[in-house]
PDB file of N, CA and C in Angstrom:
ATOM      1  N   UNK A   1       0.832  -1.204  -0.004  1.00  0.00           N
ATOM      2  CA  UNK A   1      -0.002   0.001   0.004  1.00  0.00           C
ATOM      3  C   UNK A   1       0.875   1.261   0.000  1.00  0.00           C
ATOM      4  N   UNK A   2       0.713   2.098  -0.999  1.00  0.00           N
ATOM      5  CA  UNK A   2       1.511   3.316  -1.094  1.00  0.00           C
ATOM      6  C   UNK A   2       0.728   4.481  -0.505  1.00  0.00           C
ATOM      7  N   UNK A   3       1.397   5.259   0.326  1.00  0.00           N
ATOM      8  CA  UNK A   3       0.720   6.421   0.932  1.00  0.00           C
ATOM      9  C   UNK A   3       1.356   7.688   0.371  1.00  0.00           C
ATOM     10  N   UNK A   4       0.578   8.443  -0.400  1.00  0.00           N
ATOM     11  CA  UNK A   4       1.108   9.692  -0.989  1.00  0.00           C
ATOM     12  C   UNK A   4      -0.044  10.604  -1.336  1.00  0.00           C
ATOM     13  N   UNK A   5       0.066  11.884  -0.952  1.00  0.00           N
ATOM     14  CA  UNK A   5      -1.015  12.814  -1.225  1.00  0.00           C
ATOM     15  C   UNK A   5      -1.181  13.060  -2.732  1.00  0.00           C
ATOM     16  N   UNK A   6      -0.059  13.403  -3.405  1.00  0.00           N
ATOM     17  CA  UNK A   6      -0.134  13.700  -4.830  1.00  0.00           C
ATOM     18  C   UNK A   6      -0.544  12.447  -5.613  1.00  0.00           C
ATOM     19  N   UNK A   7       0.059  11.295  -5.291  1.00  0.00           N
ATOM     20  CA  UNK A   7      -0.276  10.062  -5.980  1.00  0.00           C
ATOM     21  C   UNK A   7      -1.707   9.681  -5.726  1.00  0.00           C
ATOM     22  N   UNK A   8      -2.181   9.956  -4.517  1.00  0.00           N
ATOM     23  CA  UNK A   8      -3.577   9.635  -4.190  1.00  0.00           C
ATOM     24  C   UNK A   8      -4.521  10.454  -5.053  1.00  0.00           C
ATOM     25  N   UNK A   9      -4.203  11.734  -5.226  1.00  0.00           N
ATOM     26  CA  UNK A   9      -5.072  12.602  -6.039  1.00  0.00           C
ATOM     27  C   UNK A   9      -5.031  12.176  -7.494  1.00  0.00           C
ATOM     28  N   UNK A  10      -3.885  11.713  -7.951  1.00  0.00           N
ATOM     29  CA  UNK A  10      -3.783  11.301  -9.357  1.00  0.00           C
ATOM     30  C   UNK A  10      -4.446   9.962  -9.588  1.00  0.00           C
ATOM     31  N   UNK A  11      -4.258   9.021  -8.655  1.00  0.00           N
ATOM     32  CA  UNK A  11      -4.795   7.667  -8.846  1.00  0.00           C
ATOM     33  C   UNK A  11      -6.074   7.471  -8.033  1.00  0.00           C
ATOM     34  N   UNK A  12      -6.899   8.496  -7.991  1.00  0.00           N
ATOM     35  CA  UNK A  12      -8.135   8.402  -7.214  1.00  0.00           C
ATOM     36  C   UNK A  12      -9.140   7.484  -7.927  1.00  0.00           C
ATOM     37  N   UNK A  13      -9.293   7.721  -9.234  1.00  0.00           N
ATOM     38  CA  UNK A  13     -10.249   6.931  -9.990  1.00  0.00           C
ATOM     39  C   UNK A  13      -9.833   5.449 -10.013  1.00  0.00           C
ATOM     40  N   UNK A  14      -8.543   5.224 -10.187  1.00  0.00           N
ATOM     41  CA  UNK A  14      -8.056   3.829 -10.262  1.00  0.00           C
ATOM     42  C   UNK A  14      -8.344   3.110  -8.949  1.00  0.00           C
ATOM     43  N   UNK A  15      -8.068   3.772  -7.824  1.00  0.00           N
ATOM     44  CA  UNK A  15      -8.330   3.177  -6.510  1.00  0.00           C
ATOM     45  C   UNK A  15      -9.816   2.916  -6.342  1.00  0.00           C
ATOM     46  N   UNK A  16     -10.636   3.853  -6.806  1.00  0.00           N
ATOM     47  CA  UNK A  16     -12.076   3.689  -6.683  1.00  0.00           C
ATOM     48  C   UNK A  16     -12.542   2.490  -7.503  1.00  0.00           C
ATOM     49  N   UNK A  17     -12.005   2.353  -8.709  1.00  0.00           N
ATOM     50  CA  UNK A  17     -12.382   1.204  -9.567  1.00  0.00           C
ATOM     51  C   UNK A  17     -11.945  -0.101  -8.925  1.00  0.00           C
ATOM     52  N   UNK A  18     -10.727  -0.106  -8.346  1.00  0.00           N
ATOM     53  CA  UNK A  18     -10.244  -1.310  -7.684  1.00  0.00           C
ATOM     54  C   UNK A  18     -11.116  -1.663  -6.490  1.00  0.00           C
ATOM     55  N   UNK A  19     -11.496  -0.662  -5.714  1.00  0.00           N
ATOM     56  CA  UNK A  19     -12.365  -0.907  -4.565  1.00  0.00           C
ATOM     57  C   UNK A  19     -13.723  -1.413  -5.003  1.00  0.00           C
ATOM     58  N   UNK A  20     -14.265  -0.823  -6.067  1.00  0.00           N
ATOM     59  CA  UNK A  20     -15.577  -1.255  -6.548  1.00  0.00           C
ATOM     60  C   UNK A  20     -15.517  -2.691  -7.076  1.00  0.00           C
ATOM     61  N   UNK A  21     -14.479  -3.012  -7.834  1.00  0.00           N
ATOM     62  CA  UNK A  21     -14.349  -4.371  -8.364  1.00  0.00           C
ATOM     63  C   UNK A  21     -14.163  -5.375  -7.230  1.00  0.00           C
ATOM     64  N   UNK A  22     -13.370  -5.010  -6.209  1.00  0.00           N
ATOM     65  CA  UNK A  22     -13.162  -5.926  -5.101  1.00  0.00           C
ATOM     66  C   UNK A  22     -14.465  -6.142  -4.331  1.00  0.00           C
ATOM     67  N   UNK A  23     -15.235  -5.081  -4.166  1.00  0.00           N
ATOM     68  CA  UNK A  23     -16.525  -5.195  -3.473  1.00  0.00           C
ATOM     69  C   UNK A  23     -17.468  -6.106  -4.254  1.00  0.00           C
ATOM     70  N   UNK A  24     -17.494  -5.933  -5.581  1.00  0.00           N
ATOM     71  CA  UNK A  24     -18.354  -6.775  -6.427  1.00  0.00           C
ATOM     72  C   UNK A  24     -17.926  -8.232  -6.329  1.00  0.00           C
ATOM     73  N   UNK A  25     -16.625  -8.474  -6.413  1.00  0.00           N
ATOM     74  CA  UNK A  25     -16.133  -9.877  -6.336  1.00  0.00           C
ATOM     75  C   UNK A  25     -16.465 -10.460  -4.980  1.00  0.00           C
ATOM     76  N   UNK A  26     -16.311  -9.683  -3.909  1.00  0.00           N
ATOM     77  CA  UNK A  26     -16.636 -10.182  -2.570  1.00  0.00           C
ATOM     78  C   UNK A  26     -18.136 -10.490  -2.475  1.00  0.00           C
ATOM     79  N   UNK A  27     -18.976  -9.641  -3.042  1.00  0.00           N
ATOM     80  CA  UNK A  27     -20.408  -9.879  -3.013  1.00  0.00           C
ATOM     81  C   UNK A  27     -20.757 -11.151  -3.761  1.00  0.00           C
ATOM     82  N   UNK A  28     -20.104 -11.345  -4.910  1.00  0.00           N
ATOM     83  CA  UNK A  28     -20.360 -12.568  -5.696  1.00  0.00           C
ATOM     84  C   UNK A  28     -19.936 -13.804  -4.914  1.00  0.00           C
ATOM     85  N   UNK A  29     -18.754 -13.750  -4.301  1.00  0.00           N
ATOM     86  CA  UNK A  29     -18.281 -14.886  -3.516  1.00  0.00           C
ATOM     87  C   UNK A  29     -19.238 -15.177  -2.357  1.00  0.00           C
ATOM     88  N   UNK A  30     -19.697 -14.108  -1.682  1.00  0.00           N
ATOM     89  CA  UNK A  30     -20.611 -14.282  -0.553  1.00  0.00           C
ATOM     90  C   UNK A  30     -21.923 -14.889  -1.022  1.00  0.00           C
ATOM     91  N   UNK A  31     -22.478 -14.405  -2.143  1.00  0.00           N
ATOM     92  CA  UNK A  31     -23.728 -14.926  -2.662  1.00  0.00           C
ATOM     93  C   UNK A  31     -23.585 -16.401  -3.043  1.00  0.00           C
ATOM     94  N   UNK A  32     -22.449 -16.724  -3.706  1.00  0.00           N
ATOM     95  CA  UNK A  32     -22.224 -18.140  -4.089  1.00  0.00           C
ATOM     96  C   UNK A  32     -22.102 -19.015  -2.844  1.00  0.00           C
ATOM     97  N   UNK A  33     -21.390 -18.513  -1.811  1.00  0.00           N
ATOM     98  CA  UNK A  33     -21.201 -19.268  -0.572  1.00  0.00           C
ATOM     99  C   UNK A  33     -22.550 -19.498   0.088  1.00  0.00           C
ATOM    100  N   UNK A  34     -23.374 -18.443   0.137  1.00  0.00           N
ATOM    101  CA  UNK A  34     -24.704 -18.588   0.762  1.00  0.00           C
ATOM    102  C   UNK A  34     -25.578 -19.538  -0.051  1.00  0.00           C
ATOM    103  N   UNK A  35     -25.439 -19.500  -1.381  1.00  0.00           N
ATOM    104  CA  UNK A  35     -26.263 -20.347  -2.243  1.00  0.00           C
ATOM    105  C   UNK A  35     -25.857 -21.809  -2.093  1.00  0.00           C
ATOM    106  N   UNK A  36     -24.539 -22.073  -1.964  1.00  0.00           N
ATOM    107  CA  UNK A  36     -24.070 -23.452  -1.854  1.00  0.00           C
ATOM    108  C   UNK A  36     -24.297 -23.991  -0.440  1.00  0.00           C
ATOM    109  N   UNK A  37     -24.180 -23.107   0.562  1.00  0.00           N
ATOM    110  CA  UNK A  37     -24.357 -23.572   1.939  1.00  0.00           C
ATOM    111  C   UNK A  37     -25.833 -23.918   2.192  1.00  0.00           C
ATOM    112  N   UNK A  38     -26.096 -24.999   2.939  1.00  0.00           N
ATOM    113  CA  UNK A  38     -27.487 -25.395   3.255  1.00  0.00           C
ATOM    114  C   UNK A  38     -28.117 -24.429   4.221  1.00  0.00           C
ATOM    115  N   UNK A  39     -28.860 -23.480   3.671  1.00  0.00           N
ATOM    116  CA  UNK A  39     -29.514 -22.471   4.516  1.00  0.00           C
ATOM    117  C   UNK A  39     -31.012 -22.724   4.602  1.00  0.00           C
ATOM    118  N   UNK A  40     -31.712 -21.885   5.355  1.00  0.00           N
ATOM    119  CA  UNK A  40     -33.157 -22.014   5.506  1.00  0.00           C
ATOM    120  C   UNK A  40     -33.906 -21.629   4.248  1.00  0.00           C
ATOM    121  N   UNK A  41     -33.875 -22.477   3.239  1.00  0.00           N
ATOM    122  CA  UNK A  41     -34.554 -22.181   1.980  1.00  0.00           C
ATOM    123  C   UNK A  41     -35.574 -23.275   1.679  1.00  0.00           C
ATOM    124  N   UNK A  42     -36.758 -22.923   1.252  1.00  0.00           N
ATOM    125  CA  UNK A  42     -37.814 -23.913   0.957  1.00  0.00           C
ATOM    126  C   UNK A  42     -37.484 -24.834  -0.207  1.00  0.00           C
TER     127      UNK A  42
END
């Protein structure tokens, strides 16, 4: 993890896209895990 004010301002969009993609992948993994796990489903 690089900590820099100027670099942060320049790579703001890239970090946001990375965070968004990671959140989406985590949500997909969680949904798949919940779907495969035997939960209270009719």
